[in-house]
C-alpha atoms as a PDB file:
ATOM      1  CA  MET A   1     109.420 122.293  50.980  1.00  0.00           C
ATOM      2  CA  SER A   2     105.872 123.605  50.906  1.00  0.00           C
ATOM      3  CA  TYR A   3     105.877 123.165  47.115  1.00  0.00           C
ATOM      4  CA  MET A   4     106.754 119.497  47.493  1.00  0.00           C
ATOM      5  CA  GLY A   5     103.992 119.032  50.137  1.00  0.00           C
ATOM      6  CA  SER A   6     101.498 120.653  47.785  1.00  0.00           C
ATOM      7  CA  ASN A   7     102.402 118.287  44.959  1.00  0.00           C
ATOM      8  CA  TYR A   8     102.092 115.223  47.182  1.00  0.00           C
ATOM      9  CA  ASN A   9      98.707 116.365  48.370  1.00  0.00           C
ATOM     10  CA  ASP A  10      97.537 117.087  44.782  1.00  0.00           C
ATOM     11  CA  ALA A  11      98.574 113.644  43.669  1.00  0.00           C
ATOM     12  CA  THR A  12      96.730 111.963  46.508  1.00  0.00           C
ATOM     13  CA  ASN A  13      93.592 113.985  46.168  1.00  0.00           C
ATOM     14  CA  VAL A  14      92.950 113.417  42.430  1.00  0.00           C
ATOM     15  CA  ILE A  15      93.752 109.719  42.170  1.00  0.00           C
ATOM     16  CA  HIS A  16      91.008 107.494  40.779  1.00  0.00           C
ATOM     17  CA  GLU A  17      90.068 104.215  42.448  1.00  0.00           C
ATOM     18  CA  TRP A  18      91.391 102.105  39.501  1.00  0.00           C
ATOM     19  CA  GLN A  19      94.750 103.946  39.819  1.00  0.00           C
ATOM     20  CA  LYS A  20      94.904 103.464  43.535  1.00  0.00           C
ATOM     21  CA  ASN A  21      93.977  99.761  43.391  1.00  0.00           C
ATOM     22  CA  ASN A  22      95.878  98.600  40.276  1.00  0.00           C
ATOM     23  CA  LEU A  23      99.208 100.527  40.168  1.00  0.00           C
ATOM     24  CA  LYS A  24     101.004  98.107  42.408  1.00  0.00           C
ATOM     25  CA  SER A  25     104.162  96.029  42.202  1.00  0.00           C
ATOM     26  CA  ARG A  26     104.602  94.304  38.864  1.00  0.00           C
ATOM     27  CA  ALA A  27     101.937  96.352  37.131  1.00  0.00           C
ATOM     28  CA  PHE A  28     102.509  98.056  33.775  1.00  0.00           C
ATOM     29  CA  ALA A  29     101.005 101.364  32.726  1.00  0.00           C
ATOM     30  CA  VAL A  30     101.204 104.138  30.203  1.00  0.00           C
ATOM     31  CA  ARG A  31     101.040 107.923  30.560  1.00  0.00           C
ATOM     32  CA  PHE A  32     101.982 111.051  28.585  1.00  0.00           C
ATOM     33  CA  TRP A  33     104.457 113.579  29.742  1.00  0.00           C
ATOM     34  CA  ASN A  34     105.129 116.646  27.632  1.00  0.00           C
ATOM     35  CA  GLY A  35     103.697 114.796  24.581  1.00  0.00           C
ATOM     36  CA  VAL A  36     105.911 111.726  25.037  1.00  0.00           C
ATOM     37  CA  LEU A  37     104.459 108.341  25.666  1.00  0.00           C
ATOM     38  CA  ILE A  38     105.935 106.867  28.844  1.00  0.00           C
ATOM     39  CA  PHE A  39     105.762 103.151  29.679  1.00  0.00           C
ATOM     40  CA  ASN A  40     105.900 102.465  33.403  1.00  0.00           C
ATOM     41  CA  GLU A  41     106.954  99.286  35.056  1.00  0.00           C
ATOM     42  CA  ILE A  42     105.671  99.727  38.625  1.00  0.00           C
ATOM     43  CA  LEU A  43     108.093  98.198  41.153  1.00  0.00           C
ATOM     44  CA  GLU A  44     106.353  99.327  44.340  1.00  0.00           C
ATOM     45  CA  GLY A  45     103.178 101.125  45.230  1.00  0.00           C
ATOM     46  CA  HIS A  46     103.797 103.363  48.161  1.00  0.00           C
ATOM     47  CA  GLU A  47     101.751 102.638  51.241  1.00  0.00           C
ATOM     48  CA  GLU A  48     102.913 105.501  53.369  1.00  0.00           C
ATOM     49  CA  GLU A  49     100.051 108.009  53.778  1.00  0.00           C
ATOM     50  CA  HIS A  50     101.987 110.997  52.424  1.00  0.00           C
ATOM     51  CA  LEU A  51     103.136 109.027  49.293  1.00  0.00           C
ATOM     52  CA  LYS A  52      99.937 107.165  48.372  1.00  0.00           C
ATOM     53  CA  GLY A  53      99.539 109.316  45.210  1.00  0.00           C
ATOM     54  CA  TYR A  54     102.818 107.967  43.852  1.00  0.00           C
ATOM     55  CA  ALA A  55     104.227 104.648  42.607  1.00  0.00           C
ATOM     56  CA  PHE A  56     107.935 103.895  42.374  1.00  0.00           C
ATOM     57  CA  GLY A  57     109.013 102.251  39.121  1.00  0.00           C
ATOM     58  CA  LYS A  58     111.145 102.240  36.039  1.00  0.00           C
ATOM     59  CA  HIS A  59     109.923 104.600  33.333  1.00  0.00           C
ATOM     60  CA  HIS A  60     110.814 104.121  29.660  1.00  0.00           C
ATOM     61  CA  SER A  61     110.309 106.223  26.557  1.00  0.00           C
ATOM     62  CA  VAL A  62     112.066 106.989  23.268  1.00  0.00           C
ATOM     63  CA  GLY A  63     114.125 109.472  25.322  1.00  0.00           C
ATOM     64  CA  THR A  64     115.113 107.012  28.058  1.00  0.00           C
ATOM     65  CA  LEU A  65     115.453 103.651  26.404  1.00  0.00           C
ATOM     66  CA  GLU A  66     117.084 101.920  29.391  1.00  0.00           C
ATOM     67  CA  GLY A  67     114.497 103.412  31.715  1.00  0.00           C
ATOM     68  CA  GLU A  68     114.757 105.787  34.614  1.00  0.00           C
ATOM     69  CA  LEU A  69     113.940 104.935  38.233  1.00  0.00           C
ATOM     70  CA  GLY A  70     111.715 107.242  40.182  1.00  0.00           C
ATOM     71  CA  ASP A  71     108.250 108.027  41.481  1.00  0.00           C
ATOM     72  CA  ALA A  72     105.352 108.734  39.144  1.00  0.00           C
ATOM     73  CA  ASN A  73     102.143 110.476  40.101  1.00  0.00           C
ATOM     74  CA  ARG A  74      99.486 107.727  39.901  1.00  0.00           C
ATOM     75  CA  SER A  75      96.904 110.205  38.696  1.00  0.00           C
ATOM     76  CA  THR A  76      98.841 110.737  35.457  1.00  0.00           C
ATOM     77  CA  SER A  77      98.542 107.060  34.411  1.00  0.00           C
ATOM     78  CA  LEU A  78      96.173 106.655  31.454  1.00  0.00           C
ATOM     79  CA  ALA A  79      95.838 102.851  31.516  1.00  0.00           C
ATOM     80  CA  ILE A  80      97.093  99.610  32.830  1.00  0.00           C
ATOM     81  CA  ILE A  81      98.609  97.506  30.043  1.00  0.00           C
ATOM     82  CA  PRO A  82      99.400  93.820  29.966  1.00  0.00           C
ATOM     83  CA  GLU A  83     103.020  92.723  30.244  1.00  0.00           C
ATOM     84  CA  VAL A  84     103.005  91.434  26.730  1.00  0.00           C
ATOM     85  CA  SER A  85     102.192  94.923  25.445  1.00  0.00           C
ATOM     86  CA  PHE A  86     104.984  96.386  27.625  1.00  0.00           C
ATOM     87  CA  LEU A  87     107.462  93.832  26.168  1.00  0.00           C
ATOM     88  CA  ALA A  88     106.298  94.578  22.640  1.00  0.00           C
ATOM     89  CA  ALA A  89     106.896  98.289  23.248  1.00  0.00           C
ATOM     90  CA  MET A  90     110.384  97.468  24.536  1.00  0.00           C
ATOM     91  CA  GLU A  91     111.131  95.417  21.381  1.00  0.00           C
ATOM     92  CA  ASN A  92     110.154  98.402  19.285  1.00  0.00           C
ATOM     93  CA  GLY A  93     112.323 100.873  21.182  1.00  0.00           C
ATOM     94  CA  TRP A  94     109.353 102.449  22.944  1.00  0.00           C
ATOM     95  CA  SER A  95     108.431 104.295  19.795  1.00  0.00           C
ATOM     96  CA  ARG A  96     105.166 102.753  18.739  1.00  0.00           C
ATOM     97  CA  SER A  97     101.765 103.616  20.108  1.00  0.00           C
ATOM     98  CA  PHE A  98     100.172 100.910  22.249  1.00  0.00           C
ATOM     99  CA  THR A  99      97.478 100.498  19.619  1.00  0.00           C
ATOM    100  CA  ARG A 100     100.072  98.941  17.269  1.00  0.00           C
ATOM    101  CA  PHE A 101     101.373  96.163  19.424  1.00  0.00           C
ATOM    102  CA  LYS A 102     101.525  92.580  18.145  1.00  0.00           C
END
């Protein structure tokens, strides 16, 4: 349990203001995890003090085409993207970089 507590604290302590303020319900973001580009559809930004470093959502990649529900550390998000870019990535099977969207 102390390991989980440490991770939650780390996520909350390194979050930037833009991540804290913009990763809310119905936001779309991108991040890398182990070299894979992940497209996040944020469904809920946690407001509980001990979860503020995380956002709940559906996370898509070439490895999880249908998406996977779960929490993502807000500090790992690289950018907020417009919904049209998220939808273009979905059309392309999550395999194109976000610089090649329509």
